[in-house]
Amino acid sequence: MPDTSDKERAASVSPEELRRCAEILEAVVADRTQLAEVSQEERVRLLQAAGRVCRPTRWEAIKLSRGLRLQERLRAEAADRS
């Protein structure tokens, strides 16, 4: 289970920041030599984080699923009120 600091960091990420992360990852995919410009420690950290997004643990997948269902329910309730 993630610790509180992980939750706090996750809560502070905006949709625009996520879009920018996707752009950066796509640029790295296009030219992996860019990874040589950072330390091995940072490279490992980046690749592990990207891997966890791509292949989440069971708990992380359940958490995402619950969050998506909640958003859908809130959208449906808001539409019903309109």
Protein backbone atom coordinates (compact mmCIF):
# COMPACT_ATOMS: atom_id res chain seq x y z
CA MET A 1 0.00 0.00 0.00
CA PRO A 2 1.43 3.45 -0.85
CA ASP A 3 2.53 5.64 2.02
CA THR A 4 1.08 9.08 2.76
CA SER A 5 3.83 10.92 0.88
CA ASP A 6 2.92 8.99 -2.32
CA LYS A 7 -0.71 10.00 -1.90
CA GLU A 8 0.21 13.65 -1.34
CA ARG A 9 2.43 13.70 -4.44
CA ALA A 10 -0.27 12.03 -6.53
CA ALA A 11 -2.88 14.53 -5.41
CA SER A 12 -0.73 17.43 -6.54
CA VAL A 13 -0.37 16.32 -10.19
CA SER A 14 -2.49 18.33 -12.60
CA PRO A 15 -3.92 17.06 -15.89
CA GLU A 16 -1.57 19.44 -17.72
CA GLU A 17 1.44 17.95 -15.90
CA LEU A 18 0.30 14.46 -16.89
CA ARG A 19 0.01 15.55 -20.53
CA ARG A 20 3.54 16.97 -20.34
CA CYS A 21 4.82 13.70 -18.84
CA ALA A 22 3.32 11.80 -21.75
CA GLU A 23 5.05 14.14 -24.21
CA ILE A 24 8.39 13.65 -22.45
CA LEU A 25 8.04 9.85 -22.38
CA GLU A 26 7.16 9.84 -26.08
CA ALA A 27 10.29 11.90 -26.80
CA VAL A 28 12.41 9.42 -24.82
CA VAL A 29 10.84 6.52 -26.72
CA ALA A 30 11.77 8.24 -29.98
CA ASP A 31 15.39 8.73 -28.81
CA ARG A 32 16.44 6.61 -25.84
CA THR A 33 19.94 8.10 -25.94
CA GLN A 34 18.46 11.01 -23.96
CA LEU A 35 18.52 8.68 -20.96
CA ALA A 36 22.33 8.80 -21.08
CA GLU A 37 22.16 12.45 -20.00
CA VAL A 38 20.95 11.58 -16.49
CA SER A 39 22.63 9.57 -13.75
CA GLN A 40 22.07 5.84 -13.55
CA GLU A 41 20.11 6.37 -10.33
CA GLU A 42 17.73 8.82 -12.03
CA ARG A 43 17.47 6.60 -15.11
CA VAL A 44 16.48 3.60 -12.97
CA ARG A 45 14.00 5.73 -11.02
CA LEU A 46 12.38 6.96 -14.25
CA LEU A 47 12.18 3.52 -15.83
CA GLN A 48 10.77 1.95 -12.66
CA ALA A 49 8.10 4.65 -12.38
CA ALA A 50 7.17 4.27 -16.06
CA GLY A 51 6.96 0.52 -15.55
CA ARG A 52 4.67 0.89 -12.55
CA VAL A 53 2.34 3.09 -14.59
CA CYS A 54 2.38 0.58 -17.44
CA ARG A 55 2.07 -2.50 -15.22
CA PRO A 56 0.53 -1.48 -11.90
CA THR A 57 0.39 -3.73 -8.88
CA ARG A 58 -2.95 -5.32 -8.15
CA TRP A 59 -3.62 -2.73 -5.44
CA GLU A 60 -2.79 0.17 -7.78
CA ALA A 61 -5.08 -1.24 -10.48
CA ILE A 62 -7.96 -1.64 -8.01
CA LYS A 63 -7.42 1.92 -6.76
CA LEU A 64 -7.56 3.30 -10.32
CA SER A 65 -10.68 1.30 -11.10
CA ARG A 66 -12.42 2.63 -7.99
CA GLY A 67 -11.42 6.18 -8.84
CA LEU A 68 -12.73 5.86 -12.40
CA ARG A 69 -16.05 4.41 -11.16
CA LEU A 70 -16.40 7.26 -8.67
CA GLN A 71 -15.79 9.88 -11.37
CA GLU A 72 -18.36 8.24 -13.63
CA ARG A 73 -20.93 8.11 -10.83
CA LEU A 74 -20.34 11.78 -9.99
CA ARG A 75 -20.72 12.75 -13.68
CA ALA A 76 -23.98 10.79 -13.91
CA GLU A 77 -25.33 12.42 -10.74
CA ALA A 78 -24.40 15.88 -12.05
CA ALA A 79 -26.12 15.13 -15.37
CA ASP A 80 -29.25 13.98 -13.52
CA ARG A 81 -29.35 17.28 -11.62
CA SER A 82 -29.11 19.34 -14.81
